[in-house]
């Protein structure tokens, strides 16, 4: 039997079948003398006789079978007529039977994809979305990180500029009970931790000398860590120190860095430059005693501090000023009746976390402090060690002005 794969197909039982696959088509059926025309532009749905109820689109007859794969099936039972048309077709198939009953139109859903819709026009699968931009939290974190980096760079840059431009003068008044009235206002320029080296060279040394001389001091005290290198390498850088000028001269004591750089050679070099090295020694000044001790780092070379040698057999009625590089030497100074100790070494912390380390290792980080009857002044230093930068601890040259309580 013939088979038609069209959108609509009709079958008739009773010895034969008819199939329509072209449009337009007309089907005529006799049942009581009435004709029922059916037209469809796509595919007609002809009626089916001798059936009971509604027949599906595929049905087997008694004389033969006809199969149709379509979207609509039409059936007629007992003189009635039923026409079906599938939505989506250009026109509906209709059949009317005026003599036996009313016509009914049934809309059936399409059983397959709409041929008029191309695959390219189908919507995108659900769940597909455009990639999202950076979240607000990520944006804020990047802004904060950028601001922190800029602040850090700016802080370090300013700290480096502060070192390279040279130290500023800091003025401090220190009263001494034993100081005679005639010495009231006596000025001592204190400089420590210059750290001449590859970065802070001759030009920096010249700035330090000019700054000290501008204060017109009565005495100059260089309290250690003058250099970071040998005399052979840094002798020319230290040459400007010969220009230091003070009414009662310039004096020097060793720091721990001198013992890393050849302390004996540097002692001879500063002497050649006109600076008097005090190696566990004392000088009697017009109004007070000036003493100096070696740094504790010299103990490994048998040249450590000797307080008895520097301070023994002196007149205790006179005021005594001691030059000692490290603040930790204050305890020996107290035992020997020193009135004022001048030190450096700490750099005032220089930068974080150096300030924490220096605070834990020294009794005083910077400035003036008192231990019993002895006062301790710690300079932040003129230069820098390691990176040539300072944060929160600017370099300085301190001008100590002694004050007499008898004035």
Protein backbone atom coordinates (compact mmCIF):
# COMPACT_ATOMS: atom_id res chain seq x y z
CA UNK A 1 0.00 0.00 0.00
CA UNK A 2 1.21 3.53 -0.61
CA UNK A 3 2.51 5.60 2.27
CA UNK A 4 2.68 9.38 2.44
CA UNK A 5 4.91 11.34 4.83
CA UNK A 6 3.03 14.58 4.78
CA UNK A 7 1.76 16.97 7.46
CA UNK A 8 -1.81 15.55 7.18
CA UNK A 9 -3.05 12.18 5.89
CA UNK A 10 -6.45 10.50 5.56
CA UNK A 11 -7.35 6.82 5.20
CA UNK A 12 -10.52 5.06 4.18
CA UNK A 13 -11.50 1.51 4.93
CA UNK A 14 -13.59 -0.84 2.76
CA UNK A 15 -11.42 -2.12 -0.01
CA UNK A 16 -9.40 0.91 -0.95
CA UNK A 17 -7.60 3.93 0.30
CA UNK A 18 -6.97 7.42 -0.92
CA UNK A 19 -4.10 9.68 -0.01
CA UNK A 20 -3.65 13.34 -0.76
CA UNK A 21 -0.19 14.93 -0.64
CA UNK A 22 -0.40 18.01 -2.76
CA UNK A 23 -2.22 21.33 -2.07
CA UNK A 24 -4.75 22.50 -2.96
CA UNK A 25 -6.88 19.27 -2.94
CA UNK A 26 -10.58 18.55 -2.65
CA UNK A 27 -12.15 15.44 -1.23
CA UNK A 28 -15.74 14.46 -1.89
CA UNK A 29 -17.62 11.83 0.03
CA UNK A 30 -21.16 10.65 -0.33
CA UNK A 31 -23.18 9.94 2.72
CA UNK A 32 -26.80 10.67 2.30
CA UNK A 33 -26.40 12.70 -0.86
CA UNK A 34 -24.38 15.53 0.57
CA UNK A 35 -20.99 16.69 -0.58
CA UNK A 36 -18.42 17.92 1.97
CA UNK A 37 -15.62 19.93 0.39
CA UNK A 38 -12.30 20.13 2.18
CA UNK A 39 -9.53 22.50 1.21
CA UNK A 40 -6.08 23.05 2.64
CA UNK A 41 -3.13 24.87 1.29
CA UNK A 42 -0.62 22.55 2.91
CA UNK A 43 -2.22 19.13 3.41
CA UNK A 44 -5.96 18.13 3.53
CA UNK A 45 -7.44 15.91 6.18
CA UNK A 46 -10.16 13.79 4.40
CA UNK A 47 -12.88 12.03 6.40
CA UNK A 48 -12.87 8.37 7.25
CA UNK A 49 -16.03 6.20 7.07
CA UNK A 50 -17.22 3.12 8.90
CA UNK A 51 -15.23 4.09 11.92
CA UNK A 52 -16.22 4.45 15.48
CA UNK A 53 -14.92 7.39 17.45
CA UNK A 54 -11.75 9.18 16.50
CA UNK A 55 -9.10 7.39 14.53
CA UNK A 56 -5.41 8.19 14.96
CA UNK A 57 -3.20 9.25 12.13
CA UNK A 58 -2.04 5.65 11.61
CA UNK A 59 -4.69 2.89 11.36
CA UNK A 60 -5.04 -0.49 9.69
CA UNK A 61 -8.16 -1.25 7.50
CA UNK A 62 -9.94 -4.60 6.81
CA UNK A 63 -8.99 -4.69 3.13
CA UNK A 64 -5.62 -3.19 3.52
CA UNK A 65 -3.78 -0.70 5.62
CA UNK A 66 -2.69 2.78 4.99
CA UNK A 67 -0.23 4.56 7.24
CA UNK A 68 0.40 8.21 7.47
CA UNK A 69 2.95 10.13 9.51
CA UNK A 70 1.48 13.58 9.97
CA UNK A 71 0.25 15.98 12.54
CA UNK A 72 -3.52 15.63 12.17
CA UNK A 73 -6.08 12.83 11.55
CA UNK A 74 -9.71 13.15 10.52
CA UNK A 75 -12.50 10.66 11.27
CA UNK A 76 -16.22 10.39 10.76
CA UNK A 77 -18.65 8.12 12.54
CA UNK A 78 -22.41 7.66 12.11
CA UNK A 79 -22.94 10.50 9.72
CA UNK A 80 -20.94 13.01 11.71
CA UNK A 81 -17.76 14.63 10.53
CA UNK A 82 -14.69 15.70 12.39
CA UNK A 83 -11.95 17.73 10.80
CA UNK A 84 -8.55 18.40 12.36
CA UNK A 85 -5.98 20.91 11.43
CA UNK A 86 -2.58 21.41 12.93
CA UNK A 87 -1.54 24.86 14.06
CA UNK A 88 1.39 26.36 12.27
CA UNK A 89 -0.03 25.48 8.83
CA UNK A 90 -0.90 28.26 6.39
CA UNK A 91 -4.53 27.19 6.40
CA UNK A 92 -6.76 24.83 8.32
CA UNK A 93 -8.39 21.82 6.81
CA UNK A 94 -12.15 22.03 7.30
CA UNK A 95 -15.06 19.74 6.57
CA UNK A 96 -18.76 20.47 6.96
CA UNK A 97 -21.61 18.03 7.13
CA UNK A 98 -24.83 20.06 7.16
CA UNK A 99 -27.24 17.11 6.99
CA UNK A 100 -26.17 14.99 9.94
CA UNK A 101 -24.42 17.15 12.48
CA UNK A 102 -22.39 20.16 13.31
CA UNK A 103 -18.83 20.61 12.26
CA UNK A 104 -16.09 20.72 14.90
CA UNK A 105 -12.61 22.07 14.58
CA UNK A 106 -9.87 20.55 16.74
CA UNK A 107 -6.42 22.12 17.06
CA UNK A 108 -3.64 19.64 17.65
CA UNK A 109 -0.14 20.64 18.78
CA UNK A 110 2.64 20.00 16.34
CA UNK A 111 4.49 16.78 16.95
CA UNK A 112 7.80 17.98 15.48
CA UNK A 113 9.84 21.12 15.00
CA UNK A 114 8.38 23.93 13.02
CA UNK A 115 9.87 23.72 9.55
CA UNK A 116 9.64 27.48 9.18
CA UNK A 117 12.10 28.04 12.09
CA UNK A 118 15.75 27.68 11.21
CA UNK A 119 18.22 26.17 13.72
CA UNK A 120 20.23 29.37 13.67
CA UNK A 121 17.27 31.34 15.08
CA UNK A 122 16.90 29.13 18.16
CA UNK A 123 17.61 30.86 21.49
CA UNK A 124 20.92 30.35 23.32
CA UNK A 125 20.98 27.65 25.99
CA UNK A 126 20.02 28.75 29.46
CA UNK A 127 22.84 29.50 31.88
CA UNK A 128 25.08 31.22 29.32
CA UNK A 129 26.03 34.72 30.51
CA UNK A 130 28.59 37.31 29.65
CA UNK A 131 31.66 37.26 31.91
CA UNK A 132 31.23 39.56 34.89
CA UNK A 133 33.60 42.43 35.55
CA UNK A 134 35.75 42.84 38.72
CA UNK A 135 33.72 42.79 41.87
CA UNK A 136 33.46 45.82 44.12
CA UNK A 137 35.57 44.14 46.78
CA UNK A 138 38.36 43.38 44.32
CA UNK A 139 38.23 46.95 43.03
CA UNK A 140 38.47 48.40 46.55
CA UNK A 141 41.32 46.05 47.48
CA UNK A 142 43.28 47.14 44.43
CA UNK A 143 42.74 50.79 45.28
CA UNK A 144 43.89 50.25 48.86
CA UNK A 145 46.95 48.25 47.75
CA UNK A 146 47.89 50.93 45.23
CA UNK A 147 47.51 53.69 47.82
CA UNK A 148 49.62 51.75 50.34
CA UNK A 149 52.35 51.15 47.75
CA UNK A 150 52.36 54.83 46.77
CA UNK A 151 52.56 55.87 50.44
CA UNK A 152 55.44 53.45 51.07
CA UNK A 153 57.38 54.67 48.04
CA UNK A 154 56.77 58.29 49.02
CA UNK A 155 57.83 57.71 52.62
CA UNK A 156 61.03 55.90 51.67
CA UNK A 157 61.80 58.50 49.02
CA UNK A 158 61.40 61.34 51.49
CA UNK A 159 63.50 59.47 54.07
CA UNK A 160 66.29 58.98 51.53
CA UNK A 161 66.17 62.63 50.57
CA UNK A 162 66.44 63.57 54.25
CA UNK A 163 69.66 61.58 54.63
CA UNK A 164 71.33 62.75 51.42
CA UNK A 165 70.62 66.44 52.03
CA UNK A 166 72.59 66.23 55.27
CA UNK A 167 71.73 66.42 58.98
CA UNK A 168 69.95 69.31 60.66
CA UNK A 169 71.01 70.96 63.90
CA UNK A 170 69.19 70.02 67.08
CA UNK A 171 69.74 72.21 70.16
CA UNK A 172 69.51 70.77 73.65
CA UNK A 173 70.22 72.44 77.00
CA UNK A 174 71.71 70.27 79.72
CA UNK A 175 72.11 71.66 83.25
CA UNK A 176 75.07 70.37 85.31
CA UNK A 177 75.24 70.88 89.04
CA UNK A 178 79.06 71.05 89.20
CA UNK A 179 79.51 73.33 86.21
CA UNK A 180 80.96 76.72 87.19
CA UNK A 181 79.10 79.89 86.36
CA UNK A 182 81.78 80.89 83.85
CA UNK A 183 80.94 77.83 81.72
CA UNK A 184 77.25 78.63 81.48
CA UNK A 185 76.24 78.35 77.81
CA UNK A 186 79.25 76.25 76.81
CA UNK A 187 78.51 74.61 73.42
CA UNK A 188 79.45 71.07 72.46
CA UNK A 189 78.66 69.91 68.92
CA UNK A 190 77.89 66.18 69.05
CA UNK A 191 78.07 64.12 65.85
CA UNK A 192 77.79 60.34 65.63
CA UNK A 193 77.20 57.58 63.09
CA UNK A 194 78.30 59.45 59.97
CA UNK A 195 78.94 56.09 58.26
CA UNK A 196 81.07 57.31 55.40
CA UNK A 197 81.08 54.69 52.65
CA UNK A 198 80.27 54.05 48.98
CA UNK A 199 77.00 56.02 49.14
CA UNK A 200 77.76 58.67 51.74
CA UNK A 201 81.12 59.83 50.50
CA UNK A 202 83.25 62.95 50.45
CA UNK A 203 80.39 65.26 49.51
CA UNK A 204 78.37 64.08 52.47
CA UNK A 205 81.36 64.52 54.80
CA UNK A 206 81.67 68.10 53.58
CA UNK A 207 78.01 68.79 54.42
CA UNK A 208 78.55 67.42 57.94
CA UNK A 209 81.63 69.59 58.47
CA UNK A 210 79.91 72.72 57.19
CA UNK A 211 76.91 72.12 59.42
CA UNK A 212 79.05 71.63 62.52
CA UNK A 213 81.15 74.71 61.84
CA UNK A 214 78.00 76.79 61.33
CA UNK A 215 77.08 76.25 65.00
CA UNK A 216 80.38 77.85 66.17
CA UNK A 217 80.90 75.28 68.92
CA UNK A 218 83.39 75.49 71.76
CA UNK A 219 84.14 71.79 71.42
CA UNK A 220 83.37 69.05 68.89
CA UNK A 221 82.67 65.45 69.95
CA UNK A 222 82.71 62.68 67.31
CA UNK A 223 81.24 59.70 69.15
CA UNK A 224 81.94 56.71 66.92
CA UNK A 225 80.89 54.93 63.72
CA UNK A 226 82.56 57.49 61.53
CA UNK A 227 83.25 55.08 58.65
CA UNK A 228 82.25 51.80 56.98
CA UNK A 229 85.44 50.83 55.19
CA UNK A 230 89.20 50.94 55.33
CA UNK A 231 91.42 53.98 55.37
CA UNK A 232 92.69 52.95 51.96
CA UNK A 233 89.21 53.06 50.48
CA UNK A 234 87.67 55.93 52.43
CA UNK A 235 90.62 58.13 53.35
CA UNK A 236 89.74 60.67 50.60
CA UNK A 237 86.08 60.69 51.71
CA UNK A 238 87.08 61.57 55.27
CA UNK A 239 89.47 64.35 54.22
CA UNK A 240 86.97 67.22 54.83
CA UNK A 241 87.09 66.43 58.57
CA UNK A 242 90.37 68.37 58.67
CA UNK A 243 88.26 71.53 58.28
CA UNK A 244 86.48 71.14 61.63
CA UNK A 245 86.87 74.23 63.80
CA UNK A 246 86.18 74.65 67.51
CA UNK A 247 87.66 76.86 70.23
CA UNK A 248 88.73 73.90 72.37
CA UNK A 249 89.27 71.37 69.59
CA UNK A 250 87.70 68.18 68.24
CA UNK A 251 87.69 64.76 69.92
CA UNK A 252 86.92 61.23 68.76
CA UNK A 253 86.08 57.84 70.26
CA UNK A 254 85.71 54.57 68.40
CA UNK A 255 82.40 52.89 67.58
CA UNK A 256 81.70 49.26 66.74
CA UNK A 257 82.03 49.92 62.99
CA UNK A 258 85.58 51.16 63.39
CA UNK A 259 86.53 47.67 64.57
CA UNK A 260 85.02 46.25 61.38
CA UNK A 261 87.10 48.66 59.31
CA UNK A 262 90.53 48.68 60.97
CA UNK A 263 90.26 50.69 64.20
CA UNK A 264 94.00 51.27 64.69
CA UNK A 265 94.41 52.71 61.18
CA UNK A 266 91.43 55.01 61.65
CA UNK A 267 92.65 56.26 65.02
CA UNK A 268 95.86 57.32 63.33
CA UNK A 269 93.97 58.84 60.40
CA UNK A 270 91.69 61.03 62.52
CA UNK A 271 94.72 62.17 64.50
CA UNK A 272 96.37 63.15 61.23
CA UNK A 273 93.22 65.12 60.34
CA UNK A 274 93.54 67.16 63.55
CA UNK A 275 91.03 65.29 65.71
CA UNK A 276 92.17 64.08 69.14
CA UNK A 277 91.28 60.37 69.69
CA UNK A 278 90.42 59.53 73.31
CA UNK A 279 91.34 55.86 73.77
CA UNK A 280 90.34 55.30 77.38
CA UNK A 281 91.77 58.72 78.12
CA UNK A 282 90.84 62.04 79.74
CA UNK A 283 91.50 65.71 79.05
CA UNK A 284 91.13 68.48 81.60
CA UNK A 285 89.23 71.28 79.95
CA UNK A 286 88.98 74.79 81.42
CA UNK A 287 85.66 74.14 83.20
CA UNK A 288 85.21 70.34 83.30
CA UNK A 289 86.89 67.02 82.58
CA UNK A 290 86.41 65.43 79.15
CA UNK A 291 86.92 61.65 79.01
CA UNK A 292 86.49 59.00 76.32
CA UNK A 293 86.36 55.19 76.30
CA UNK A 294 86.68 52.64 73.51
CA UNK A 295 83.63 50.82 72.21
CA UNK A 296 82.70 47.44 73.68
CA UNK A 297 83.32 45.86 70.25
CA UNK A 298 87.04 46.44 70.85
CA UNK A 299 87.09 43.77 73.55
CA UNK A 300 87.56 41.08 70.90
CA UNK A 301 90.80 42.78 69.86
CA UNK A 302 91.96 43.51 73.39
CA UNK A 303 91.01 47.17 73.02
CA UNK A 304 87.78 47.32 74.99
CA UNK A 305 86.63 50.16 77.27
CA UNK A 306 88.63 50.86 80.43
CA UNK A 307 86.69 53.22 82.71
CA UNK A 308 89.23 53.05 85.50
CA UNK A 309 91.98 54.25 83.20
CA UNK A 310 89.83 57.03 81.74
CA UNK A 311 88.22 58.24 84.96
CA UNK A 312 90.51 57.16 87.81
CA UNK A 313 92.40 59.71 89.94
CA UNK A 314 90.36 62.65 88.74
CA UNK A 315 89.00 65.50 90.85
CA UNK A 316 85.40 64.48 91.57
CA UNK A 317 84.54 68.09 92.43
CA UNK A 318 84.76 68.94 88.77
CA UNK A 319 82.01 68.17 86.31
CA UNK A 320 82.79 65.27 83.97
CA UNK A 321 81.58 64.74 80.41
CA UNK A 322 82.16 61.25 78.96
CA UNK A 323 82.23 60.25 75.27
CA UNK A 324 81.08 56.61 74.83
CA UNK A 325 79.62 55.26 71.60
CA UNK A 326 76.98 52.90 72.99
CA UNK A 327 74.27 53.89 75.49
CA UNK A 328 74.69 50.58 77.34
CA UNK A 329 77.92 51.98 78.80
CA UNK A 330 75.87 54.30 81.00
CA UNK A 331 75.92 51.87 83.93
CA UNK A 332 79.71 52.05 84.19
CA UNK A 333 79.50 55.80 83.84
CA UNK A 334 77.13 56.01 86.81
CA UNK A 335 79.52 53.95 88.94
CA UNK A 336 82.37 56.34 88.15
CA UNK A 337 80.46 59.52 88.96
CA UNK A 338 80.11 60.87 85.41
CA UNK A 339 77.79 63.89 85.13
CA UNK A 340 76.96 63.62 81.41
CA UNK A 341 77.51 60.83 78.87
CA UNK A 342 77.29 61.59 75.13
CA UNK A 343 76.49 58.61 72.88
CA UNK A 344 75.14 57.52 69.51
CA UNK A 345 74.88 54.04 67.97
CA UNK A 346 71.07 53.67 67.91
CA UNK A 347 70.32 55.96 64.92
CA UNK A 348 67.10 56.66 66.79
CA UNK A 349 65.84 53.41 65.24
CA UNK A 350 66.42 54.75 61.69
CA UNK A 351 63.37 52.93 60.29
CA UNK A 352 60.92 50.17 61.19
CA UNK A 353 61.56 47.56 62.54
CA UNK A 354 64.97 48.89 63.53
CA UNK A 355 63.35 51.12 66.12
CA UNK A 356 61.95 48.06 67.89
CA UNK A 357 65.29 46.27 67.88
CA UNK A 358 67.21 49.34 69.02
CA UNK A 359 64.72 50.05 71.80
CA UNK A 360 65.11 46.54 73.18
CA UNK A 361 68.92 46.61 73.04
CA UNK A 362 69.57 50.07 74.50
CA UNK A 363 68.47 51.80 77.70
CA UNK A 364 67.69 54.99 75.75
CA UNK A 365 66.81 55.14 72.06
CA UNK A 366 67.36 58.87 71.52
CA UNK A 367 67.37 62.13 73.43
CA UNK A 368 68.15 63.09 77.00
CA UNK A 369 67.59 60.74 79.92
CA UNK A 370 68.73 60.46 83.54
CA UNK A 371 70.20 57.51 85.45
CA UNK A 372 70.78 58.46 89.06
CA UNK A 373 73.02 61.50 89.15
CA UNK A 374 74.21 60.86 85.60
CA UNK A 375 72.50 62.21 82.50
CA UNK A 376 72.65 60.42 79.16
CA UNK A 377 72.17 62.06 75.79
CA UNK A 378 71.85 59.81 72.70
CA UNK A 379 72.17 61.36 69.24
CA UNK A 380 70.22 59.91 66.29
CA UNK A 381 73.34 60.30 64.16
CA UNK A 382 74.22 62.20 61.01
CA UNK A 383 74.20 59.40 58.43
CA UNK A 384 72.59 55.99 57.94
CA UNK A 385 73.65 52.37 57.88
CA UNK A 386 72.39 49.93 55.27
CA UNK A 387 69.78 51.65 53.10
CA UNK A 388 70.48 55.39 53.06
CA UNK A 389 67.04 56.26 54.36
CA UNK A 390 65.36 57.19 57.63
CA UNK A 391 61.70 57.01 58.59
CA UNK A 392 60.56 58.66 61.81
CA UNK A 393 64.14 59.22 62.97
CA UNK A 394 65.65 62.17 61.07
CA UNK A 395 69.39 62.63 61.17
CA UNK A 396 70.87 65.38 63.28
CA UNK A 397 73.91 67.08 64.69
CA UNK A 398 73.18 68.04 68.28
CA UNK A 399 74.42 71.25 69.80
CA UNK A 400 74.56 70.65 73.55
CA UNK A 401 74.48 73.85 75.56
CA UNK A 402 75.68 73.32 79.11
CA UNK A 403 73.90 75.28 81.82
CA UNK A 404 75.29 76.09 85.26
CA UNK A 405 72.93 75.87 88.19
CA UNK A 406 75.05 78.47 89.87
CA UNK A 407 74.29 81.07 87.23
